[in-house]
Amino acid sequence: MRKVLIPLFFNRPTLRVAKELLGKFLVRRIGDKKISGMITEVEAYVGPKDKASHASRLWRGSLASLRGRSGPRAARGRTERTKVMFGKLGYWYVYLIYGMYHCLNIVTEKENYPAAILIRSVENVKGPGRICRKFKIDKKYNEKPASRRMGLWIEDRGVKINPRNILRGKRIGVDYAGKWKDKPWRFFIKS
């Protein structure tokens, strides 16, 4: 059974969707070839108060933290970059980090509520930047629906992950986010 996940799948609380993405397959069509891998780790970013989220109105950038400033670097919220997180569910949010690595997120919950899930690893590919390199994903997928027509989607292939094999942890690389850095919103399959 191979069933493409439809937007309705993503129209639920982000933490629930994040756990249920484990065991699903990221699929990319390149010409006549398909690349796929089972999703094994994700991170959730939920709502405008989540300081680890790019769409947080309370966001303090990591640059400000590294420079020892105590005040907010910038009020973020809805910007040109983050507007996709406020948009249609089941759409991709792709952004560049460190000027060289793309990261792939899928938008969840209702419109005008910024929430998304970062695909952190798939079978044999750890790290969001490495996933995008292997699957040849770049900004052209940003603000596009996860669908076969777009050539990038998520499939349910009937793999069931035992809830006891799903672990939670702190999100990675969000030390600037105050108490939000400690939210156990990273989910991964026990190896």
Protein backbone atom coordinates (compact mmCIF):
# COMPACT_ATOMS: atom_id res chain seq x y z
CA MET A 1 0.00 0.00 0.00
CA ARG A 2 1.39 3.38 -1.04
CA LYS A 3 -0.81 6.30 -0.18
CA VAL A 4 0.22 9.93 -0.66
CA LEU A 5 -0.51 11.98 2.46
CA ILE A 6 -3.13 14.60 1.69
CA PRO A 7 -3.48 18.04 3.33
CA LEU A 8 -6.11 16.69 5.74
CA PHE A 9 -3.38 14.56 7.40
CA PHE A 10 -1.59 17.78 8.39
CA ASN A 11 -4.74 19.49 9.71
CA ARG A 12 -4.17 18.29 13.28
CA PRO A 13 -2.04 19.27 16.26
CA THR A 14 1.57 19.52 15.13
CA LEU A 15 3.01 17.28 17.86
CA ARG A 16 0.64 14.48 16.90
CA VAL A 17 1.44 14.85 13.20
CA ALA A 18 5.17 14.89 13.99
CA LYS A 19 5.00 11.52 15.77
CA GLU A 20 2.88 10.05 12.98
CA LEU A 21 5.35 11.15 10.29
CA LEU A 22 7.84 8.64 11.70
CA GLY A 23 7.71 5.58 9.45
CA LYS A 24 6.28 7.53 6.50
CA PHE A 25 8.38 7.94 3.36
CA LEU A 26 9.77 11.10 1.81
CA VAL A 27 9.63 10.64 -1.97
CA ARG A 28 11.22 12.75 -4.71
CA ARG A 29 10.79 12.23 -8.44
CA ILE A 30 13.70 13.34 -10.61
CA GLY A 31 12.90 12.67 -14.26
CA ASP A 32 12.03 8.97 -14.50
CA LYS A 33 13.73 8.09 -11.20
CA LYS A 34 12.35 8.15 -7.66
CA ILE A 35 14.37 8.60 -4.50
CA SER A 36 12.69 7.65 -1.23
CA GLY A 37 13.55 7.12 2.40
CA MET A 38 11.65 6.37 5.58
CA ILE A 39 11.40 9.38 7.92
CA THR A 40 13.17 8.56 11.17
CA GLU A 41 13.47 11.93 12.96
CA VAL A 42 11.49 15.17 12.98
CA GLU A 43 11.22 18.40 14.98
CA ALA A 44 8.03 20.35 15.63
CA TYR A 45 7.71 24.15 15.67
CA VAL A 46 4.37 25.24 17.06
CA GLY A 47 2.71 28.63 17.10
CA PRO A 48 3.64 32.29 17.41
CA LYS A 49 4.96 31.98 20.99
CA ASP A 50 7.49 29.21 20.19
CA LYS A 51 10.75 31.20 20.33
CA ALA A 52 12.57 28.45 18.44
CA SER A 53 10.27 28.97 15.45
CA HIS A 54 11.16 31.32 12.61
CA ALA A 55 7.57 32.58 12.78
CA SER A 56 7.63 33.51 16.46
CA ARG A 57 6.76 37.10 17.23
CA LEU A 58 9.07 36.76 20.23
CA TRP A 59 12.03 35.36 18.32
CA ARG A 60 15.55 36.29 19.33
CA GLY A 61 18.03 35.43 16.64
CA SER A 62 21.05 33.29 17.40
CA LEU A 63 23.37 36.07 16.23
CA ALA A 64 22.13 38.34 19.00
CA SER A 65 22.62 35.55 21.53
CA LEU A 66 26.13 34.84 20.29
CA ARG A 67 27.04 38.51 20.60
CA GLY A 68 25.75 38.60 24.17
CA ARG A 69 22.89 41.01 23.54
CA SER A 70 19.94 40.66 25.85
CA GLY A 71 17.26 42.37 23.76
CA PRO A 72 15.36 40.94 20.82
CA ARG A 73 17.32 40.98 17.57
CA ALA A 74 14.18 41.32 15.52
CA ALA A 75 10.47 40.92 15.86
CA ARG A 76 9.73 38.14 13.38
CA GLY A 77 6.21 36.81 13.10
CA ARG A 78 4.86 36.85 9.56
CA THR A 79 7.59 37.92 7.14
CA GLU A 80 8.24 37.27 3.47
CA ARG A 81 10.34 34.26 4.52
CA THR A 82 7.87 32.81 7.05
CA LYS A 83 4.53 33.57 5.40
CA VAL A 84 4.35 29.96 4.18
CA MET A 85 4.14 28.80 7.82
CA PHE A 86 0.93 30.83 8.15
CA GLY A 87 -0.45 29.44 4.90
CA LYS A 88 -1.88 26.23 3.54
CA LEU A 89 -1.22 23.02 5.38
CA GLY A 90 0.66 20.30 3.58
CA TYR A 91 2.88 22.89 1.87
CA TRP A 92 6.66 22.84 2.01
CA TYR A 93 8.69 25.45 3.88
CA VAL A 94 12.25 25.30 2.53
CA TYR A 95 14.92 27.67 3.77
CA LEU A 96 18.68 28.04 3.63
CA ILE A 97 20.93 27.88 6.71
CA TYR A 98 24.57 28.93 6.96
CA GLY A 99 24.25 30.14 3.37
CA MET A 100 24.67 26.60 2.04
CA TYR A 101 22.24 23.99 3.44
CA HIS A 102 18.55 23.77 2.67
CA CYS A 103 16.11 22.47 5.29
CA LEU A 104 12.73 20.89 4.50
CA ASN A 105 9.64 21.49 6.64
CA ILE A 106 5.97 20.64 6.13
CA VAL A 107 3.27 23.11 7.27
CA THR A 108 0.66 21.86 9.76
CA GLU A 109 -2.50 22.95 11.57
CA LYS A 110 -4.84 25.71 10.44
CA GLU A 111 -4.10 28.72 8.23
CA ASN A 112 -2.82 31.83 10.04
CA TYR A 113 -1.35 29.68 12.83
CA PRO A 114 2.38 29.20 12.18
CA ALA A 115 3.35 25.57 12.67
CA ALA A 116 5.62 23.24 10.76
CA ILE A 117 7.68 20.08 11.11
CA LEU A 118 11.34 19.86 10.13
CA ILE A 119 12.34 16.59 8.48
CA ARG A 120 15.59 15.96 10.39
CA SER A 121 16.53 12.49 9.13
CA VAL A 122 15.46 9.67 6.86
CA GLU A 123 16.87 6.13 6.71
CA ASN A 124 20.63 6.31 6.26
CA VAL A 125 20.63 10.12 5.86
CA LYS A 126 21.05 12.12 9.07
CA GLY A 127 20.73 15.87 9.12
CA PRO A 128 18.27 18.15 7.35
CA GLY A 129 20.93 19.61 5.05
CA ARG A 130 22.07 16.16 3.92
CA ILE A 131 18.48 15.14 3.20
CA CYS A 132 18.02 18.12 0.91
CA ARG A 133 21.30 17.37 -0.86
CA LYS A 134 20.46 13.68 -1.38
CA PHE A 135 16.91 14.44 -2.53
CA LYS A 136 17.99 17.49 -4.57
CA ILE A 137 15.62 19.81 -2.72
CA ASP A 138 16.09 23.56 -2.88
CA LYS A 139 14.06 26.76 -2.56
CA LYS A 140 12.05 26.04 -5.71
CA TYR A 141 9.89 23.77 -3.51
CA ASN A 142 9.21 26.51 -0.96
CA GLU A 143 5.49 27.40 -0.79
CA LYS A 144 4.58 24.41 -3.00
CA PRO A 145 2.22 21.59 -2.04
CA ALA A 146 3.59 18.19 -1.07
CA SER A 147 2.28 16.26 -4.07
CA ARG A 148 3.22 13.91 -6.88
CA ARG A 149 2.55 16.69 -9.35
CA MET A 150 5.26 18.82 -7.69
CA GLY A 151 7.65 15.85 -7.60
CA LEU A 152 8.07 15.88 -3.80
CA TRP A 153 5.65 14.19 -1.42
CA ILE A 154 5.22 11.97 1.64
CA GLU A 155 3.79 8.45 1.38
CA ASP A 156 2.24 6.08 3.87
CA ARG A 157 3.55 2.61 2.94
CA GLY A 158 1.88 0.84 5.83
CA VAL A 159 4.88 0.85 8.18
CA LYS A 160 3.69 0.97 11.79
CA ILE A 161 6.11 2.20 14.44
CA ASN A 162 5.46 0.84 17.92
CA PRO A 163 4.85 3.85 20.22
CA ARG A 164 7.43 2.39 22.63
CA ASN A 165 10.05 2.84 19.89
CA ILE A 166 9.34 6.55 19.50
CA LEU A 167 11.62 8.69 21.64
CA ARG A 168 11.40 12.42 22.41
CA GLY A 169 14.12 14.93 22.99
CA LYS A 170 15.01 18.58 22.92
CA ARG A 171 15.22 20.27 19.57
CA ILE A 172 18.70 20.77 18.15
CA GLY A 173 20.41 24.11 17.52
CA VAL A 174 17.88 26.36 19.26
CA ASP A 175 19.83 27.41 22.36
CA TYR A 176 18.78 31.04 21.74
CA ALA A 177 15.11 30.17 22.43
CA GLY A 178 15.10 30.48 26.23
CA LYS A 179 12.76 27.98 27.91
CA TRP A 180 11.53 26.93 24.45
CA LYS A 181 14.88 25.20 23.78
CA ASP A 182 13.92 22.58 26.35
CA LYS A 183 10.62 21.57 24.75
CA PRO A 184 10.77 17.83 23.97
CA TRP A 185 9.45 18.40 20.45
CA ARG A 186 11.99 16.29 18.57
CA PHE A 187 10.72 12.78 17.84
CA PHE A 188 12.84 9.90 16.57
CA ILE A 189 12.76 6.14 16.16
CA LYS A 190 14.82 4.22 18.71
CA SER A 191 17.62 2.40 16.90
